[in-house]
Amino acid sequence: MSLSRRILVTGASGYVGGRLVRALLNEEIPVRVTVRDAKKITGQGWANEVEIAVGNATNFEEMKSALEGIHTAFYLLHSIGVGSDFDELEARMAKNFAKAAETAGVKQIVYLGGIANDDKQSKHLASRARTGEELRSTSVPVLELRAGIIIGSGSASFEMLRHLTHRLPVMTTPKWVSNRTHPIAIRDVLWYLTNAAKLAKPVNGIYDIGGPEILSYADMMQKFAKCSGLRKRWIIRVPVLTPKLSSLWIGFVTPVPTRLARPLIGSLINETVADPKKAIDAIIPKPPEGLIDVESAINLALSRTTSNQVETRWSDATVITAPWQKAQSDPAWAGEITHRDKREVFTDAPIDCVWRSIEQIGGETGWYGADFLWWARGMLDRVVGGVGLRRGRRDPKHLRVGDSLDFWRVDAIEKERLLRLYAEMILPGKAWLEFRIEEIDGKVQIIQEARFSPRGLGGQLYWYAILPLHAFVFPTMLRNIVRSSKRKALFGDA
């Protein structure tokens, strides 16, 4: 089906947004995306197939410009992890977006929120509901789709479920694991969103979407164990595990950081079951083959994960850092102090083998030596509320700009030339790790440079405190990259 109407997708660098863009393009629907940093989507396979508008949802003029000529705008923005007042920020963003959409003449806003059954909602679900209210504050019709747990490769809910089930054959759990939930597969979420872009006329209303099964979180863990070939999990419910304690535990056991786990847990305290009175079937019918059940959704997600075909991940647009780390670079005139640790080496290994070794850094490959020190730094980061090392990689061999990589994020990448990583661990400043390679007189030069811009005296002390570790970690890393490159030249990636 081909439509002349133009669609805007916000949050295109996020988990749902990134997949929605591809789904719309597969339907030959023209797409414009709005992002705060165009670099974050340059690695996406669809980046050259869409219009890109750079803008922040809090800036009216930028949003108005992005929304000009748009028929349907998908609002998929979240601000979890930016601080305790994330709900106020989300409300301001939604109100500003709605006003800009009205001014630009947008015909339809589509918003993906969360199912909220009870009056006593978590702060996260209350913020989701308030976002919908702010979007409806103008004359533009708003179709609000409310979903519960989304099951799909790379989703935060799926990663939390996967790691809890895999790591804990016996677990003490809070009472909320017995609450009823209404999970839905990411494929079905995309079905509803894609068809919302094809509606014959604008729709104004709130509709719940859920899969074919209603079950408890404990039931989902048992189904996951079955799909993974694991024994039935022993689940002991205790009343003393509060949402705060639960999120701390999840932050320790799974790749999902505590500050992101907390709103997810908060959403499970209340039952999140789709209301039959809010069914969307009359507007968007179910897929011809029916909705995907939980076991099928888990199996699909596992197969994608195992075959390294995860298109987007929960961490793609999630940055949980200290406030002074928000900006990844400062203008040259700002006079920011930058400390550098620069090392270089030459090798006769082919440049493509050197590049493959560098591009495969992190995740299961590790950091080419000093594994204990990297592990300890990851544990320290998790203790203070950071992401730690458990995020791993989206793909074991290939990186793209915006990918999360353990406690780094890919800031820039040029094949067989440059890989620059930006630190997302908790630091008293901002840090980058960069690899540059160049062929000179038949040999390959590898330049490895760590840069750190300290914040105050604490940042300065931190840099000098870790210099002795640099003297061991970085030379070891370079030596092992060279060795890996030579092995690849002889034996390939096997």
Protein backbone atom coordinates (compact mmCIF):
# COMPACT_ATOMS: atom_id res chain seq x y z
CA MET A 1 0.00 0.00 0.00
CA SER A 2 1.35 3.42 -0.90
CA LEU A 3 0.16 6.61 0.77
CA SER A 4 0.99 10.16 -0.26
CA ARG A 5 0.51 11.40 3.31
CA ARG A 6 3.74 12.06 5.17
CA ILE A 7 4.34 10.54 8.60
CA LEU A 8 6.53 11.88 11.40
CA VAL A 9 8.11 9.52 13.93
CA THR A 10 9.58 10.97 17.10
CA GLY A 11 11.86 8.80 19.21
CA ALA A 12 13.26 7.16 16.07
CA SER A 13 16.48 6.31 17.88
CA GLY A 14 14.53 4.37 20.51
CA TYR A 15 13.37 0.77 20.76
CA VAL A 16 9.84 1.07 19.32
CA GLY A 17 10.49 4.11 17.14
CA GLY A 18 13.40 2.56 15.28
CA ARG A 19 11.32 -0.49 14.39
CA LEU A 20 8.26 1.55 13.48
CA VAL A 21 10.25 3.53 10.90
CA ARG A 22 11.24 0.31 9.13
CA ALA A 23 7.67 -1.03 9.30
CA LEU A 24 6.27 2.17 7.73
CA LEU A 25 8.91 2.20 4.99
CA ASN A 26 8.06 -1.42 4.19
CA GLU A 27 4.52 -0.16 3.52
CA GLU A 28 5.96 2.50 1.16
CA ILE A 29 4.82 5.29 3.46
CA PRO A 30 6.95 8.47 3.34
CA VAL A 31 8.60 9.03 6.72
CA ARG A 32 10.24 11.98 8.43
CA VAL A 33 11.98 11.45 11.76
CA THR A 34 12.87 13.99 14.39
CA VAL A 35 15.94 13.46 16.57
CA ARG A 36 18.03 15.63 18.85
CA ASP A 37 21.25 14.38 17.26
CA ALA A 38 21.28 13.17 13.65
CA LYS A 39 24.45 11.16 14.34
CA LYS A 40 22.47 8.74 16.48
CA ILE A 41 20.60 7.30 13.50
CA THR A 42 23.26 7.40 10.79
CA GLY A 43 23.98 3.72 11.41
CA GLN A 44 20.36 2.67 10.88
CA GLY A 45 19.69 0.80 7.65
CA TRP A 46 16.82 3.16 6.89
CA ALA A 47 18.72 6.42 7.52
CA ASN A 48 19.00 7.25 3.80
CA GLU A 49 15.33 6.48 3.17
CA VAL A 50 13.83 9.10 5.49
CA GLU A 51 13.78 12.85 5.98
CA ILE A 52 15.66 13.87 9.10
CA ALA A 53 14.58 16.86 11.18
CA VAL A 54 16.84 17.81 14.07
CA GLY A 55 15.01 19.26 17.03
CA ASN A 56 14.16 19.06 20.71
CA ALA A 57 10.57 18.48 21.82
CA THR A 58 10.87 21.35 24.28
CA ASN A 59 11.58 23.82 21.46
CA PHE A 60 8.37 25.04 19.82
CA GLU A 61 9.94 26.43 16.64
CA GLU A 62 11.99 23.28 16.04
CA MET A 63 8.93 21.06 16.49
CA LYS A 64 6.76 23.30 14.33
CA SER A 65 9.34 23.10 11.54
CA ALA A 66 9.58 19.31 11.87
CA LEU A 67 5.78 18.98 11.74
CA GLU A 68 5.20 21.13 8.65
CA GLY A 69 3.49 19.08 5.92
CA ILE A 70 2.90 16.11 8.23
CA HIS A 71 -0.42 14.25 8.23
CA THR A 72 0.13 11.83 11.14
CA ALA A 73 2.69 12.32 13.92
CA PHE A 74 3.77 9.46 16.18
CA TYR A 75 4.69 10.60 19.67
CA LEU A 76 7.09 8.03 21.15
CA LEU A 77 9.14 10.16 23.52
CA HIS A 78 10.06 9.25 27.11
CA SER A 79 12.25 10.95 29.68
CA ILE A 80 12.81 8.15 32.21
CA GLY A 81 16.23 8.36 33.80
CA VAL A 82 16.71 12.11 33.48
CA GLY A 83 15.88 12.82 37.12
CA SER A 84 13.13 12.74 39.72
CA ASP A 85 11.12 15.39 37.89
CA PHE A 86 10.92 13.40 34.65
CA ASP A 87 7.12 13.58 34.79
CA GLU A 88 7.15 17.39 34.66
CA LEU A 89 9.57 17.31 31.73
CA GLU A 90 7.40 14.79 29.88
CA ALA A 91 4.33 16.97 30.41
CA ARG A 92 6.10 20.07 29.06
CA MET A 93 7.38 18.17 26.04
CA ALA A 94 3.93 16.79 25.21
CA LYS A 95 2.18 20.15 25.62
CA ASN A 96 4.74 21.88 23.41
CA PHE A 97 4.51 19.13 20.78
CA ALA A 98 0.71 19.34 20.70
CA LYS A 99 0.76 23.12 20.22
CA ALA A 100 3.36 22.82 17.45
CA ALA A 101 1.28 20.10 15.75
CA GLU A 102 -1.83 22.28 15.85
CA THR A 103 0.04 25.25 14.41
CA ALA A 104 1.56 23.11 11.65
CA GLY A 105 -1.82 21.68 10.64
CA VAL A 106 -1.19 18.05 11.65
CA LYS A 107 -4.30 15.90 11.16
CA GLN A 108 -3.58 13.09 13.64
CA ILE A 109 -1.31 12.39 16.62
CA VAL A 110 -0.71 8.77 17.59
CA TYR A 111 0.70 8.16 21.07
CA LEU A 112 1.89 4.90 22.63
CA GLY A 113 1.25 4.98 26.37
CA GLY A 114 0.82 2.42 29.14
CA ILE A 115 -2.23 0.53 30.43
CA ALA A 116 -3.46 2.07 33.67
CA ASN A 117 -6.30 0.20 35.41
CA ASP A 118 -6.13 1.49 38.96
CA ASP A 119 -6.56 4.94 40.46
CA LYS A 120 -3.36 4.38 42.47
CA GLN A 121 -0.80 4.43 39.69
CA SER A 122 2.98 4.42 39.75
CA LYS A 123 4.68 7.71 38.95
CA HIS A 124 5.72 6.26 35.60
CA LEU A 125 2.19 5.23 34.56
CA ALA A 126 0.72 8.47 35.91
CA SER A 127 3.22 10.38 33.77
CA ARG A 128 2.27 8.32 30.72
CA ALA A 129 -1.40 9.16 31.30
CA ARG A 130 -0.65 12.84 31.85
CA THR A 131 1.37 12.91 28.63
CA GLY A 132 -1.75 11.74 26.80
CA GLU A 133 -3.79 14.50 28.46
CA GLU A 134 -1.30 17.16 27.38
CA LEU A 135 -1.28 15.85 23.82
CA ARG A 136 -5.10 16.12 23.81
CA SER A 137 -4.99 19.75 25.02
CA THR A 138 -5.34 21.13 21.47
CA SER A 139 -7.76 20.56 18.58
CA VAL A 140 -5.59 17.85 16.94
CA PRO A 141 -7.22 14.39 17.31
CA VAL A 142 -5.09 12.03 19.42
CA LEU A 143 -5.22 8.24 19.10
CA GLU A 144 -3.70 6.95 22.34
CA LEU A 145 -2.77 3.26 22.32
CA ARG A 146 -2.03 1.88 25.77
CA ALA A 147 0.11 -1.26 26.06
CA GLY A 148 1.44 -3.33 28.94
CA ILE A 149 4.66 -5.33 28.89
CA ILE A 150 6.15 -5.46 25.39
CA ILE A 151 7.93 -8.71 24.56
CA GLY A 152 10.55 -8.50 21.86
CA SER A 153 14.26 -8.96 21.34
CA GLY A 154 16.05 -6.02 22.90
CA SER A 155 13.16 -4.58 24.92
CA ALA A 156 13.89 -3.61 28.52
CA SER A 157 11.01 -5.79 29.78
CA PHE A 158 12.30 -8.78 27.83
CA GLU A 159 15.90 -8.29 29.01
CA MET A 160 14.72 -8.02 32.61
CA LEU A 161 12.66 -11.19 32.25
CA ARG A 162 15.47 -13.05 30.47
CA HIS A 163 18.22 -12.29 32.94
CA LEU A 164 16.11 -12.86 36.05
CA THR A 165 15.03 -16.26 34.76
CA HIS A 166 18.45 -17.33 33.53
CA ARG A 167 20.44 -16.21 36.56
CA LEU A 168 18.10 -17.20 39.38
CA PRO A 169 16.84 -20.82 39.45
CA VAL A 170 15.58 -20.08 42.98
CA MET A 171 14.37 -16.56 43.75
CA THR A 172 12.62 -14.69 46.50
CA THR A 173 10.24 -12.25 44.89
CA PRO A 174 7.89 -9.47 45.96
CA LYS A 175 4.13 -9.86 45.93
CA TRP A 176 3.76 -7.98 42.64
CA VAL A 177 4.97 -11.01 40.65
CA SER A 178 1.48 -12.43 41.25
CA ASN A 179 -0.29 -9.43 39.75
CA ARG A 180 -1.99 -9.94 36.42
CA THR A 181 -0.34 -8.48 33.33
CA HIS A 182 -1.32 -8.36 29.70
CA PRO A 183 1.87 -8.72 27.61
CA ILE A 184 1.95 -8.04 23.90
CA ALA A 185 4.53 -8.95 21.27
CA ILE A 186 6.45 -6.12 19.62
CA ARG A 187 5.22 -7.40 16.24
CA ASP A 188 1.63 -6.80 17.30
CA VAL A 189 2.46 -3.36 18.70
CA LEU A 190 3.96 -2.48 15.31
CA TRP A 191 0.86 -3.87 13.57
CA TYR A 192 -1.39 -1.46 15.46
CA LEU A 193 0.96 1.51 15.05
CA THR A 194 1.50 0.94 11.33
CA ASN A 195 -2.23 0.62 10.69
CA ALA A 196 -2.83 3.78 12.70
CA ALA A 197 -0.88 5.57 9.95
CA LYS A 198 -3.39 4.30 7.36
CA LEU A 199 -6.65 5.36 9.02
CA ALA A 200 -9.15 6.81 6.55
CA LYS A 201 -10.06 9.61 8.94
CA PRO A 202 -8.61 10.97 12.21
CA VAL A 203 -9.52 9.17 15.43
CA ASN A 204 -9.73 10.74 18.88
CA GLY A 205 -9.77 8.31 21.80
CA ILE A 206 -7.94 5.99 24.21
CA TYR A 207 -7.65 2.30 23.36
CA ASP A 208 -5.92 -0.59 25.14
CA ILE A 209 -3.91 -3.17 23.22
CA GLY A 210 -2.81 -6.52 24.63
CA GLY A 211 -1.92 -10.01 23.51
CA PRO A 212 -4.16 -13.09 23.65
CA GLU A 213 -3.14 -14.06 27.22
CA ILE A 214 -3.49 -12.55 30.67
CA LEU A 215 -1.03 -13.98 33.20
CA SER A 216 1.20 -13.03 36.11
CA TYR A 217 4.84 -12.02 35.88
CA ALA A 218 5.70 -15.26 37.68
CA ASP A 219 3.86 -17.19 34.95
CA MET A 220 5.90 -15.35 32.33
CA MET A 221 9.14 -16.34 34.06
CA GLN A 222 8.07 -19.98 34.01
CA LYS A 223 7.16 -19.75 30.33
CA PHE A 224 10.52 -18.17 29.60
CA ALA A 225 12.29 -20.99 31.46
CA LYS A 226 10.37 -23.53 29.40
CA CYS A 227 11.19 -21.80 26.09
CA SER A 228 14.87 -21.58 27.09
CA GLY A 229 15.08 -25.26 28.02
CA LEU A 230 15.55 -24.46 31.72
CA ARG A 231 14.03 -26.22 34.69
CA LYS A 232 10.99 -24.78 36.39
CA ARG A 233 11.99 -21.84 38.58
CA TRP A 234 11.37 -21.89 42.33
CA ILE A 235 9.62 -18.65 43.19
CA ILE A 236 9.21 -17.73 46.85
CA ARG A 237 7.07 -14.65 47.43
CA VAL A 238 7.93 -12.43 50.39
CA PRO A 239 6.12 -9.25 51.48
CA VAL A 240 9.20 -7.21 52.44
CA LEU A 241 10.60 -6.55 48.97
CA THR A 242 9.42 -3.04 48.14
CA PRO A 243 9.55 -1.63 44.59
CA LYS A 244 12.67 0.34 45.56
CA LEU A 245 14.45 -2.75 46.89
CA SER A 246 13.26 -4.77 43.90
CA SER A 247 14.69 -2.23 41.46
CA LEU A 248 18.02 -2.26 43.29
CA TRP A 249 18.11 -6.04 43.00
CA ILE A 250 17.17 -5.98 39.32
CA GLY A 251 19.83 -3.34 38.70
CA PHE A 252 22.37 -5.72 40.23
CA VAL A 253 21.26 -8.94 38.50
CA THR A 254 20.19 -7.74 35.04
CA PRO A 255 21.57 -5.27 32.45
CA VAL A 256 18.69 -2.88 33.18
CA PRO A 257 19.98 -0.06 35.43
CA THR A 258 18.25 0.59 38.74
CA ARG A 259 16.93 3.99 37.62
CA LEU A 260 15.24 2.39 34.61
CA ALA A 261 14.14 -0.72 36.53
CA ARG A 262 12.32 1.40 39.12
CA PRO A 263 9.59 2.73 36.77
CA LEU A 264 9.28 -0.70 35.15
CA ILE A 265 8.72 -2.29 38.56
CA GLY A 266 6.35 0.52 39.48
CA SER A 267 4.24 -0.39 36.46
CA LEU A 268 3.91 -3.98 37.71
CA ILE A 269 2.65 -3.07 41.18
CA ASN A 270 -0.83 -2.55 39.74
CA GLU A 271 -2.61 -4.91 37.38
CA THR A 272 -2.08 -3.85 33.78
CA VAL A 273 -4.82 -5.63 31.86
CA ALA A 274 -6.40 -4.25 28.70
CA ASP A 275 -9.96 -3.05 29.27
CA PRO A 276 -12.36 -4.80 26.83
CA LYS A 277 -14.41 -1.60 26.75
CA LYS A 278 -11.38 0.17 25.27
CA ALA A 279 -10.68 -2.44 22.58
CA ILE A 280 -9.51 -1.03 19.27
CA ASP A 281 -10.84 -3.87 17.10
CA ALA A 282 -13.56 -1.73 15.54
CA ILE A 283 -10.94 0.75 14.30
CA ILE A 284 -7.92 -1.48 13.69
CA PRO A 285 -8.71 -5.20 13.44
CA LYS A 286 -6.36 -7.85 14.76
CA PRO A 287 -3.68 -9.21 12.39
CA PRO A 288 -5.06 -11.79 9.90
CA GLU A 289 -2.98 -14.53 11.56
CA GLY A 290 -4.10 -13.44 15.03
CA LEU A 291 -2.16 -11.97 17.94
CA ILE A 292 1.02 -13.73 19.04
CA ASP A 293 0.84 -15.65 22.33
CA VAL A 294 3.49 -15.23 25.05
CA GLU A 295 5.47 -18.40 24.30
CA SER A 296 5.61 -17.60 20.58
CA ALA A 297 6.69 -14.02 21.36
CA ILE A 298 9.44 -15.29 23.69
CA ASN A 299 10.63 -17.84 21.12
CA LEU A 300 10.76 -15.16 18.41
CA ALA A 301 12.72 -12.84 20.68
CA LEU A 302 15.13 -15.61 21.68
CA SER A 303 15.74 -16.60 18.06
CA ARG A 304 16.48 -12.99 17.14
CA THR A 305 18.86 -12.65 20.08
CA THR A 306 20.64 -15.93 19.34
CA SER A 307 21.09 -15.14 15.64
CA ASN A 308 22.31 -11.58 16.40
CA GLN A 309 19.42 -9.99 14.51
CA VAL A 310 18.33 -7.51 17.17
CA GLU A 311 17.25 -4.44 15.23
CA THR A 312 16.87 -2.05 18.18
CA ARG A 313 17.55 -2.32 21.92
CA TRP A 314 16.17 -0.70 25.05
CA SER A 315 19.52 1.05 25.54
CA ASP A 316 19.58 2.66 22.07
CA ALA A 317 18.09 5.92 23.33
CA THR A 318 18.58 5.44 27.05
CA VAL A 319 21.39 7.44 28.59
CA ILE A 320 21.56 7.32 32.38
CA THR A 321 24.50 9.44 33.47
CA ALA A 322 25.39 12.23 35.82
CA PRO A 323 23.90 15.63 34.91
CA TRP A 324 27.25 17.08 33.84
CA GLN A 325 27.63 14.27 31.28
CA LYS A 326 24.54 15.21 29.27
CA ALA A 327 26.44 17.10 26.57
CA GLN A 328 28.92 14.91 24.77
CA SER A 329 31.08 17.78 23.63
CA ASP A 330 31.69 21.42 24.36
CA PRO A 331 32.65 24.18 21.92
CA ALA A 332 36.36 24.85 21.56
CA TRP A 333 35.96 28.36 23.00
CA ALA A 334 34.55 26.98 26.26
CA GLY A 335 38.08 26.42 27.51
CA GLU A 336 37.32 22.94 28.82
CA ILE A 337 40.35 21.13 30.25
CA THR A 338 41.01 17.81 28.54
CA HIS A 339 43.45 15.18 29.79
CA ARG A 340 44.78 12.69 27.24
CA ASP A 341 46.40 9.28 27.33
CA LYS A 342 47.65 8.59 23.82
CA ARG A 343 49.44 5.42 22.68
CA GLU A 344 50.30 4.00 19.29
CA VAL A 345 51.70 0.87 17.74
CA PHE A 346 52.50 -0.43 14.25
CA THR A 347 51.58 -3.89 12.98
CA ASP A 348 51.99 -5.79 9.74
CA ALA A 349 48.50 -7.30 10.09
CA PRO A 350 46.15 -6.27 7.26
CA ILE A 351 44.09 -3.16 7.97
CA ASP A 352 40.78 -5.04 7.57
CA CYS A 353 41.83 -7.55 10.25
CA VAL A 354 42.89 -4.74 12.57
CA TRP A 355 39.54 -3.04 12.03
CA ARG A 356 37.57 -6.22 12.72
CA SER A 357 39.40 -6.69 16.02
CA ILE A 358 38.71 -3.10 17.06
CA GLU A 359 35.05 -3.20 15.97
CA GLN A 360 34.45 -6.40 17.96
CA ILE A 361 35.66 -4.89 21.24
CA GLY A 362 33.47 -5.24 24.34
CA GLY A 363 30.52 -7.53 24.98
CA GLU A 364 31.47 -11.21 24.84
CA THR A 365 34.87 -10.35 23.31
CA GLY A 366 35.84 -8.28 26.32
CA TRP A 367 38.35 -5.45 26.42
CA TYR A 368 41.47 -7.31 25.33
CA GLY A 369 42.99 -7.96 28.72
CA ALA A 370 42.76 -6.78 32.32
CA ASP A 371 39.29 -8.33 32.44
CA PHE A 372 39.16 -8.21 36.22
CA LEU A 373 39.78 -4.45 36.27
CA TRP A 374 37.06 -3.86 33.66
CA TRP A 375 34.69 -6.09 35.65
CA ALA A 376 35.50 -4.21 38.87
CA ARG A 377 34.90 -0.84 37.18
CA GLY A 378 31.57 -2.13 35.90
CA MET A 379 30.56 -3.32 39.36
CA LEU A 380 31.53 0.02 40.90
CA ASP A 381 29.43 1.78 38.30
CA ARG A 382 26.38 -0.33 39.09
CA VAL A 383 26.81 0.27 42.83
CA VAL A 384 26.55 4.03 42.28
CA GLY A 385 23.56 3.67 39.93
CA GLY A 386 25.28 3.44 36.54
CA VAL A 387 24.77 1.01 33.68
CA GLY A 388 27.80 -1.21 34.33
CA LEU A 389 29.09 -3.69 31.77
CA ARG A 390 26.01 -5.88 31.38
CA ARG A 391 24.43 -4.00 28.48
CA GLY A 392 26.86 -5.80 26.17
CA ARG A 393 26.43 -5.27 22.44
CA ARG A 394 23.56 -5.31 19.96
CA ASP A 395 25.69 -7.27 17.45
CA PRO A 396 28.93 -9.18 18.24
CA LYS A 397 30.76 -8.09 15.08
CA HIS A 398 29.35 -4.80 13.83
CA LEU A 399 28.72 -1.41 15.42
CA ARG A 400 26.77 1.63 14.35
CA VAL A 401 26.62 5.17 15.70
CA GLY A 402 24.38 5.29 18.76
CA ASP A 403 24.91 1.65 19.76
CA SER A 404 25.36 1.04 23.47
CA LEU A 405 28.52 -0.94 24.17
CA ASP A 406 28.84 -2.06 27.80
CA PHE A 407 29.18 1.28 29.63
CA TRP A 408 30.12 3.16 26.46
CA ARG A 409 28.14 4.43 23.48
CA VAL A 410 29.39 4.61 19.90
CA ASP A 411 29.92 8.30 19.22
CA ALA A 412 31.56 8.01 15.78
CA ILE A 413 32.58 5.22 13.44
CA GLU A 414 34.31 5.20 10.05
CA LYS A 415 35.11 1.79 8.64
CA GLU A 416 38.84 0.98 8.74
CA ARG A 417 39.56 4.47 10.06
CA LEU A 418 37.94 5.47 13.34
CA LEU A 419 35.97 4.21 16.32
CA ARG A 420 35.15 6.70 19.09
CA LEU A 421 33.28 5.68 22.23
CA TYR A 422 31.65 8.02 24.73
CA ALA A 423 31.55 6.95 28.39
CA GLU A 424 28.15 6.44 30.02
CA MET A 425 29.47 5.16 33.33
CA ILE A 426 29.07 7.52 36.30
CA LEU A 427 32.09 9.84 36.21
CA PRO A 428 33.12 13.23 37.63
CA GLY A 429 33.43 14.50 34.06
CA LYS A 430 33.17 13.30 30.47
CA ALA A 431 35.32 10.63 28.82
CA TRP A 432 36.00 9.20 25.37
CA LEU A 433 38.02 6.23 24.14
CA GLU A 434 39.13 6.49 20.52
CA PHE A 435 40.87 4.19 18.06
CA ARG A 436 42.30 5.51 14.79
CA ILE A 437 44.00 3.33 12.19
CA GLU A 438 45.93 4.23 9.07
CA GLU A 439 48.13 2.35 6.61
CA ILE A 440 51.63 3.88 6.41
CA ASP A 441 54.45 2.41 4.30
CA GLY A 442 52.91 -1.04 4.24
CA LYS A 443 52.20 -1.18 7.98
CA VAL A 444 49.10 -0.29 9.95
CA GLN A 445 49.38 2.37 12.62
CA ILE A 446 46.94 2.01 15.54
CA ILE A 447 46.44 5.10 17.69
CA GLN A 448 44.56 4.59 20.93
CA GLU A 449 43.58 7.71 22.84
CA ALA A 450 41.64 8.16 26.06
CA ARG A 451 40.34 11.69 26.70
CA PHE A 452 38.82 13.00 29.91
CA SER A 453 37.26 16.39 30.66
CA PRO A 454 37.10 16.64 34.45
CA ARG A 455 34.42 18.37 36.46
CA GLY A 456 35.97 20.33 39.27
CA LEU A 457 38.57 19.13 41.73
CA GLY A 458 36.90 15.71 42.02
CA GLY A 459 37.37 15.14 38.31
CA GLN A 460 41.02 16.16 38.47
CA LEU A 461 41.68 13.80 41.38
CA TYR A 462 39.86 10.99 39.59
CA TRP A 463 42.06 11.32 36.50
CA TYR A 464 45.32 11.19 38.43
CA ALA A 465 44.06 8.33 40.60
CA ILE A 466 43.43 6.09 37.58
CA LEU A 467 46.61 6.94 35.67
CA PRO A 468 48.49 3.97 37.21
CA LEU A 469 45.74 1.67 35.96
CA HIS A 470 45.97 3.20 32.48
CA ALA A 471 49.66 2.30 32.45
CA PHE A 472 48.64 -1.36 32.67
CA VAL A 473 45.25 -1.52 30.94
CA PHE A 474 45.88 0.42 27.72
CA PRO A 475 49.23 -1.10 26.66
CA THR A 476 47.75 -4.55 27.31
CA MET A 477 44.73 -3.65 25.20
CA LEU A 478 46.88 -2.52 22.29
CA ARG A 479 49.07 -5.63 22.40
CA ASN A 480 46.07 -7.93 22.39
CA ILE A 481 44.36 -6.03 19.56
CA VAL A 482 47.51 -6.62 17.48
CA ARG A 483 47.54 -10.31 18.43
CA SER A 484 43.86 -10.65 17.59
CA SER A 485 44.45 -8.95 14.23
CA LYS A 486 47.26 -11.36 13.36
CA ARG A 487 45.12 -14.35 14.32
CA LYS A 488 42.36 -13.06 12.08
CA ALA A 489 44.84 -12.72 9.23
CA LEU A 490 45.83 -16.37 9.67
CA PHE A 491 42.58 -18.04 10.68
CA GLY A 492 39.76 -15.57 10.02
CA ASP A 493 37.15 -14.84 12.70
CA ALA A 494 36.83 -18.49 13.68
